[in-house]
Protein backbone atom coordinates (compact mmCIF):
# COMPACT_ATOMS: atom_id res chain seq x y z
CA MET A 1 -57.55 139.94 59.04
CA PHE A 2 -57.47 140.74 62.29
CA ASP A 3 -60.56 141.77 62.66
CA ALA A 4 -62.31 137.71 61.60
CA ILE A 5 -59.69 136.43 64.35
CA MET A 6 -61.54 139.14 67.15
CA LYS A 7 -64.97 137.87 66.24
CA LEU A 8 -63.93 134.06 65.91
CA SER A 9 -62.55 134.98 69.84
CA LEU A 10 -66.15 136.07 70.41
CA LEU A 11 -67.97 133.38 69.40
CA ILE A 12 -65.53 130.72 70.70
CA LEU A 13 -66.11 133.44 73.77
CA ALA A 14 -69.72 133.13 73.98
CA VAL A 15 -70.60 129.55 72.92
CA SER A 16 -68.41 129.00 76.06
CA THR A 17 -71.01 131.23 78.28
CA LEU A 18 -73.32 128.80 76.83
CA PHE A 19 -71.39 125.38 78.23
CA TYR A 20 -70.51 127.08 82.14
CA PHE A 21 -75.05 128.33 82.08
CA TYR A 22 -75.25 124.98 81.34
CA ARG A 23 -72.63 124.30 83.60
CA LEU A 24 -75.00 127.43 85.93
CA VAL A 25 -77.99 125.13 86.32
CA LYS A 26 -77.69 121.25 85.32
CA GLY A 27 -74.53 121.04 88.02
CA PRO A 28 -74.35 118.37 90.21
CA THR A 29 -72.91 119.84 93.45
CA VAL A 30 -72.51 123.84 94.59
CA PRO A 31 -69.54 123.58 94.01
CA ASP A 32 -69.24 123.48 91.20
CA ARG A 33 -71.82 125.64 90.46
CA VAL A 34 -69.76 128.36 91.38
CA VAL A 35 -67.08 127.94 89.90
CA ALA A 36 -69.01 127.69 86.57
CA LEU A 37 -70.29 131.35 87.75
CA ASP A 38 -66.96 132.63 88.98
CA ALA A 39 -66.15 131.21 84.61
CA ILE A 40 -68.90 132.79 83.50
CA GLY A 41 -67.75 136.43 85.40
CA ILE A 42 -63.77 134.80 83.69
CA ASN A 43 -65.98 134.77 80.39
CA LEU A 44 -68.13 138.18 80.41
CA ILE A 45 -64.79 140.38 81.34
CA GLY A 46 -63.57 138.40 78.00
CA LEU A 47 -66.02 139.46 76.04
CA THR A 48 -65.82 143.24 77.08
CA GLY A 49 -61.88 142.91 76.87
CA VAL A 50 -62.39 142.08 72.82
CA THR A 51 -65.05 143.90 72.57
CA SER A 52 -63.39 147.58 73.48
CA VAL A 53 -60.32 146.38 71.43
CA MET A 54 -62.24 145.52 68.24
CA LEU A 55 -63.30 149.14 69.04
CA LYS A 56 -60.38 150.70 68.84
CA THR A 57 -61.53 152.90 72.61
CA SER A 58 -60.55 152.36 75.76
CA ALA A 59 -64.41 152.98 77.42
CA PHE A 60 -64.98 149.37 78.63
CA LEU A 61 -61.28 149.06 81.02
CA ASP A 62 -64.16 150.76 83.87
CA VAL A 63 -65.96 148.07 83.35
CA ILE A 64 -63.86 145.65 82.98
CA LEU A 65 -61.76 146.51 86.17
CA LEU A 66 -65.80 146.76 87.95
CA LEU A 67 -66.34 143.09 86.01
CA GLY A 68 -63.69 141.89 87.46
CA ILE A 69 -64.39 142.70 91.06
CA LEU A 70 -67.51 142.49 91.22
CA ALA A 71 -67.25 137.93 90.27
CA PHE A 72 -63.87 138.08 92.84
CA ILE A 73 -67.12 138.74 95.67
CA GLY A 74 -68.71 137.68 94.32
CA THR A 75 -66.84 133.48 94.34
CA VAL A 76 -65.67 134.98 97.50
CA ALA A 77 -68.80 135.13 99.35
CA PHE A 78 -70.23 131.51 97.47
CA SER A 79 -67.46 129.94 98.98
CA LYS A 80 -67.48 131.75 102.50
CA PHE A 81 -71.40 130.93 102.57
CA LEU A 82 -70.79 126.69 102.22
CA GLU A 83 -67.82 126.44 104.42
CA LYS A 84 -69.78 128.27 107.16
CA GLY A 85 -73.42 128.59 106.57
CA GLU A 86 -73.85 132.27 106.63
CA ILE A 87 -71.91 135.85 105.09
CA ILE A 88 -72.22 137.84 107.46
CA GLU A 89 -70.80 137.37 111.29
CA ASN A 90 -72.97 138.51 112.95
CA ASP A 91 -70.69 137.74 116.93
CA ARG A 92 -67.42 138.44 116.54
CA ASN A 93 -67.33 137.17 120.49
CA GLN A 94 -66.58 133.43 119.40
């Protein structure tokens, strides 16, 4: 029963990731695409976590942490680019 629930949750996460990919490609605005990209990162964390539970291992916990950090940094960078038009400011005196 537990294995069936884990497989069902993997299927639901995979289908929602496909919907987010559709939003990433067809998003009407750039902020919608950024949100879809962040949601894909969160779904990858969920898929990795469920796979880790199914395989009864803690080897993927570092991968989950790395995905979370990368998703956060990517979202912050895209948001800063949308707001200011640049990610790294060259002139700090202004």
